[in-house]
Amino acid sequence: MAILNYTTTVDALKTISEIEYELMKHGAKAIMKNIENGSVVGLSFVIDTGRMGGQVPVRIPAKIDECYEVLVRQKKENPRQQIKATHEQAERVAWRILKNWVEAQMALLDINMVQFEEIFLPYIVIPSGQTVYEKLEEKQFLLEG
């Protein structure tokens, strides 16, 4: 079975603007695109949750190379499906899936099922410049010591 949104034709920049709008509607104070080699590879934003000392910085990656590898593998495994395995398609697919995820998370936030920090905890940027996930990975996910 092919990955979600593998046939999308929606330009990545359009999808990114839709994500930015969703974040803005939910209180983002500043949003920045993280760019590498001419492509947007993530979004960084700040939100004031009223907790955790006020403004919370967040960095969400779009792992386009990883998405490309999946498309290539699935194209080989499913030659009858019309899977387009290009970097441009991987960029469109990765951002579209991320948009779906953000919209679903914001819907949970809207019904008070979660708090903002629960959604974005792995992506919260700590003073070292790392995300919480990156710091935990560095410490082999050990919370003490």
C-alpha atoms as a PDB file:
ATOM      1  CA  MET A   1       0.000   0.000   0.000  1.00  0.00           C
ATOM      2  CA  ALA A   2       1.392   3.371  -1.019  1.00  0.00           C
ATOM      3  CA  ILE A   3       1.942   6.151   1.500  1.00  0.00           C
ATOM      4  CA  LEU A   4      -0.652   8.815   2.194  1.00  0.00           C
ATOM      5  CA  ASN A   5      -0.900  11.603  -0.398  1.00  0.00           C
ATOM      6  CA  TYR A   6       1.532   9.904  -2.799  1.00  0.00           C
ATOM      7  CA  THR A   7      -0.433  11.244  -5.783  1.00  0.00           C
ATOM      8  CA  THR A   8      -0.658  14.864  -4.620  1.00  0.00           C
ATOM      9  CA  THR A   9      -0.026  17.576  -7.181  1.00  0.00           C
ATOM     10  CA  VAL A  10      -0.323  20.433  -4.681  1.00  0.00           C
ATOM     11  CA  ASP A  11       2.809  22.579  -4.690  1.00  0.00           C
ATOM     12  CA  ALA A  12       4.829  22.337  -1.479  1.00  0.00           C
ATOM     13  CA  LEU A  13       4.788  26.115  -0.963  1.00  0.00           C
ATOM     14  CA  LYS A  14       0.977  26.154  -1.115  1.00  0.00           C
ATOM     15  CA  THR A  15       0.835  23.383   1.487  1.00  0.00           C
ATOM     16  CA  ILE A  16       3.378  25.186   3.667  1.00  0.00           C
ATOM     17  CA  SER A  17       1.241  28.338   3.579  1.00  0.00           C
ATOM     18  CA  GLU A  18      -1.778  26.251   4.626  1.00  0.00           C
ATOM     19  CA  ILE A  19       0.201  24.901   7.593  1.00  0.00           C
ATOM     20  CA  GLU A  20       1.313  28.422   8.499  1.00  0.00           C
ATOM     21  CA  TYR A  21      -2.301  29.600   8.415  1.00  0.00           C
ATOM     22  CA  GLU A  22      -3.370  26.722  10.697  1.00  0.00           C
ATOM     23  CA  LEU A  23      -0.578  27.568  13.159  1.00  0.00           C
ATOM     24  CA  MET A  24      -1.465  31.272  13.006  1.00  0.00           C
ATOM     25  CA  LYS A  25      -5.124  30.488  13.770  1.00  0.00           C
ATOM     26  CA  HIS A  26      -3.925  28.624  16.853  1.00  0.00           C
ATOM     27  CA  GLY A  27      -1.745  31.376  18.257  1.00  0.00           C
ATOM     28  CA  ALA A  28       1.628  31.249  16.521  1.00  0.00           C
ATOM     29  CA  LYS A  29       3.321  34.618  17.054  1.00  0.00           C
ATOM     30  CA  ALA A  30       6.109  34.233  14.490  1.00  0.00           C
ATOM     31  CA  ILE A  31       6.704  31.657  11.764  1.00  0.00           C
ATOM     32  CA  MET A  32       9.918  31.105   9.822  1.00  0.00           C
ATOM     33  CA  LYS A  33      10.770  28.738   6.976  1.00  0.00           C
ATOM     34  CA  ASN A  34      13.958  26.675   7.372  1.00  0.00           C
ATOM     35  CA  ILE A  35      15.600  26.454   3.942  1.00  0.00           C
ATOM     36  CA  GLU A  36      18.394  24.207   2.641  1.00  0.00           C
ATOM     37  CA  ASN A  37      19.570  24.058  -0.976  1.00  0.00           C
ATOM     38  CA  GLY A  38      16.619  26.142  -2.127  1.00  0.00           C
ATOM     39  CA  SER A  39      13.953  23.933  -0.525  1.00  0.00           C
ATOM     40  CA  VAL A  40      11.931  24.471   2.624  1.00  0.00           C
ATOM     41  CA  VAL A  41      12.935  21.649   4.994  1.00  0.00           C
ATOM     42  CA  GLY A  42      11.059  22.753   8.084  1.00  0.00           C
ATOM     43  CA  LEU A  43       9.077  25.387   9.889  1.00  0.00           C
ATOM     44  CA  SER A  44      10.049  27.168  13.077  1.00  0.00           C
ATOM     45  CA  PHE A  45       7.533  29.116  15.076  1.00  0.00           C
ATOM     46  CA  VAL A  46       6.909  30.665  18.465  1.00  0.00           C
ATOM     47  CA  ILE A  47       3.701  30.366  20.435  1.00  0.00           C
ATOM     48  CA  ASP A  48       2.691  31.839  23.778  1.00  0.00           C
ATOM     49  CA  THR A  49       0.943  29.088  25.726  1.00  0.00           C
ATOM     50  CA  GLY A  50       0.847  30.932  29.040  1.00  0.00           C
ATOM     51  CA  ARG A  51       2.932  28.072  30.472  1.00  0.00           C
ATOM     52  CA  MET A  52       6.592  27.089  30.357  1.00  0.00           C
ATOM     53  CA  GLY A  53       7.749  30.658  30.839  1.00  0.00           C
ATOM     54  CA  GLY A  54       5.673  32.205  28.080  1.00  0.00           C
ATOM     55  CA  GLN A  55       6.952  31.965  24.516  1.00  0.00           C
ATOM     56  CA  VAL A  56       7.670  28.412  23.344  1.00  0.00           C
ATOM     57  CA  PRO A  57       9.914  27.957  20.265  1.00  0.00           C
ATOM     58  CA  VAL A  58       9.125  24.989  18.028  1.00  0.00           C
ATOM     59  CA  ARG A  59      10.925  23.515  14.993  1.00  0.00           C
ATOM     60  CA  ILE A  60       9.070  20.992  12.804  1.00  0.00           C
ATOM     61  CA  PRO A  61      11.100  19.172  10.139  1.00  0.00           C
ATOM     62  CA  ALA A  62       9.873  17.931   6.784  1.00  0.00           C
ATOM     63  CA  LYS A  63      12.100  14.940   6.052  1.00  0.00           C
ATOM     64  CA  ILE A  64      11.982  15.044   2.291  1.00  0.00           C
ATOM     65  CA  ASP A  65      14.944  12.712   1.627  1.00  0.00           C
ATOM     66  CA  GLU A  66      13.369  10.047   3.831  1.00  0.00           C
ATOM     67  CA  CYS A  67      10.061  10.449   1.977  1.00  0.00           C
ATOM     68  CA  TYR A  68      11.900  10.108  -1.342  1.00  0.00           C
ATOM     69  CA  GLU A  69      13.478   6.833  -0.201  1.00  0.00           C
ATOM     70  CA  VAL A  70      10.025   5.471   0.673  1.00  0.00           C
ATOM     71  CA  LEU A  71       8.607   6.500  -2.713  1.00  0.00           C
ATOM     72  CA  VAL A  72      11.518   4.811  -4.524  1.00  0.00           C
ATOM     73  CA  ARG A  73      11.078   1.621  -2.515  1.00  0.00           C
ATOM     74  CA  GLN A  74       7.312   1.566  -3.010  1.00  0.00           C
ATOM     75  CA  LYS A  75       7.665   2.183  -6.750  1.00  0.00           C
ATOM     76  CA  LYS A  76       9.918  -0.903  -6.977  1.00  0.00           C
ATOM     77  CA  GLU A  77       7.565  -2.990  -4.819  1.00  0.00           C
ATOM     78  CA  ASN A  78       4.400  -1.882  -6.667  1.00  0.00           C
ATOM     79  CA  PRO A  79       5.314  -1.423 -10.338  1.00  0.00           C
ATOM     80  CA  ARG A  80       1.632  -1.338 -11.387  1.00  0.00           C
ATOM     81  CA  GLN A  81       0.853   1.678  -9.225  1.00  0.00           C
ATOM     82  CA  GLN A  82       1.522   5.110 -10.640  1.00  0.00           C
ATOM     83  CA  ILE A  83       4.045   6.089  -7.962  1.00  0.00           C
ATOM     84  CA  LYS A  84       6.122   9.100  -8.939  1.00  0.00           C
ATOM     85  CA  ALA A  85       9.493   8.746  -7.205  1.00  0.00           C
ATOM     86  CA  THR A  86      11.148  12.139  -7.643  1.00  0.00           C
ATOM     87  CA  HIS A  87      12.531  14.616  -5.145  1.00  0.00           C
ATOM     88  CA  GLU A  88       9.872  17.129  -6.202  1.00  0.00           C
ATOM     89  CA  GLN A  89       7.100  14.623  -5.509  1.00  0.00           C
ATOM     90  CA  ALA A  90       8.695  13.653  -2.197  1.00  0.00           C
ATOM     91  CA  GLU A  91       8.672  17.323  -1.203  1.00  0.00           C
ATOM     92  CA  ARG A  92       4.971  17.643  -2.100  1.00  0.00           C
ATOM     93  CA  VAL A  93       4.073  14.395  -0.292  1.00  0.00           C
ATOM     94  CA  ALA A  94       6.100  15.119   2.864  1.00  0.00           C
ATOM     95  CA  TRP A  95       4.552  18.568   3.282  1.00  0.00           C
ATOM     96  CA  ARG A  96       1.030  17.314   2.542  1.00  0.00           C
ATOM     97  CA  ILE A  97       1.351  14.571   5.181  1.00  0.00           C
ATOM     98  CA  LEU A  98       2.726  17.112   7.656  1.00  0.00           C
ATOM     99  CA  LYS A  99      -0.267  19.361   6.917  1.00  0.00           C
ATOM    100  CA  ASN A 100      -2.659  16.478   7.626  1.00  0.00           C
ATOM    101  CA  TRP A 101      -0.854  15.829  10.919  1.00  0.00           C
ATOM    102  CA  VAL A 102      -0.932  19.489  11.999  1.00  0.00           C
ATOM    103  CA  GLU A 103      -4.640  19.774  11.157  1.00  0.00           C
ATOM    104  CA  ALA A 104      -5.451  16.612  13.132  1.00  0.00           C
ATOM    105  CA  GLN A 105      -3.432  17.822  16.114  1.00  0.00           C
ATOM    106  CA  MET A 106      -5.080  21.252  16.029  1.00  0.00           C
ATOM    107  CA  ALA A 107      -8.500  19.558  15.979  1.00  0.00           C
ATOM    108  CA  LEU A 108      -7.550  17.692  19.178  1.00  0.00           C
ATOM    109  CA  LEU A 109      -6.388  20.987  20.655  1.00  0.00           C
ATOM    110  CA  ASP A 110      -9.687  22.627  19.675  1.00  0.00           C
ATOM    111  CA  ILE A 111     -11.690  20.080  21.688  1.00  0.00           C
ATOM    112  CA  ASN A 112      -9.339  20.355  24.694  1.00  0.00           C
ATOM    113  CA  MET A 113      -8.216  16.758  24.290  1.00  0.00           C
ATOM    114  CA  VAL A 114      -4.553  17.804  24.400  1.00  0.00           C
ATOM    115  CA  GLN A 115      -2.427  20.773  25.319  1.00  0.00           C
ATOM    116  CA  PHE A 116      -0.102  22.454  22.867  1.00  0.00           C
ATOM    117  CA  GLU A 117       3.002  21.110  24.623  1.00  0.00           C
ATOM    118  CA  GLU A 118       1.704  17.534  24.340  1.00  0.00           C
ATOM    119  CA  ILE A 119       1.451  17.866  20.587  1.00  0.00           C
ATOM    120  CA  PHE A 120       4.757  19.546  19.893  1.00  0.00           C
ATOM    121  CA  LEU A 121       6.906  18.309  22.801  1.00  0.00           C
ATOM    122  CA  PRO A 122       9.482  16.518  20.628  1.00  0.00           C
ATOM    123  CA  TYR A 123       9.841  19.652  18.488  1.00  0.00           C
ATOM    124  CA  ILE A 124      10.161  22.251  21.264  1.00  0.00           C
ATOM    125  CA  VAL A 125      13.540  23.960  20.982  1.00  0.00           C
ATOM    126  CA  ILE A 126      15.559  24.063  24.216  1.00  0.00           C
ATOM    127  CA  PRO A 127      18.240  26.664  25.088  1.00  0.00           C
ATOM    128  CA  SER A 128      21.022  24.551  23.497  1.00  0.00           C
ATOM    129  CA  GLY A 129      19.263  24.952  20.121  1.00  0.00           C
ATOM    130  CA  GLN A 130      18.321  21.278  20.027  1.00  0.00           C
ATOM    131  CA  THR A 131      14.782  19.995  20.051  1.00  0.00           C
ATOM    132  CA  VAL A 132      13.603  17.947  23.024  1.00  0.00           C
ATOM    133  CA  TYR A 133      13.710  14.863  20.797  1.00  0.00           C
ATOM    134  CA  GLU A 134      17.288  15.571  19.675  1.00  0.00           C
ATOM    135  CA  LYS A 135      18.405  16.005  23.298  1.00  0.00           C
ATOM    136  CA  LEU A 136      16.706  12.777  24.382  1.00  0.00           C
ATOM    137  CA  GLU A 137      18.195  10.912  21.424  1.00  0.00           C
ATOM    138  CA  GLU A 138      21.653  12.219  22.366  1.00  0.00           C
ATOM    139  CA  LYS A 139      21.158  10.799  25.877  1.00  0.00           C
ATOM    140  CA  GLN A 140      19.829   7.496  24.469  1.00  0.00           C
ATOM    141  CA  PHE A 141      16.385   8.417  25.815  1.00  0.00           C
ATOM    142  CA  LEU A 142      17.527   8.170  29.435  1.00  0.00           C
ATOM    143  CA  LEU A 143      15.651  10.774  31.490  1.00  0.00           C
ATOM    144  CA  GLU A 144      18.052  10.719  34.425  1.00  0.00           C
ATOM    145  CA  GLY A 145      21.819  10.875  34.729  1.00  0.00           C
END
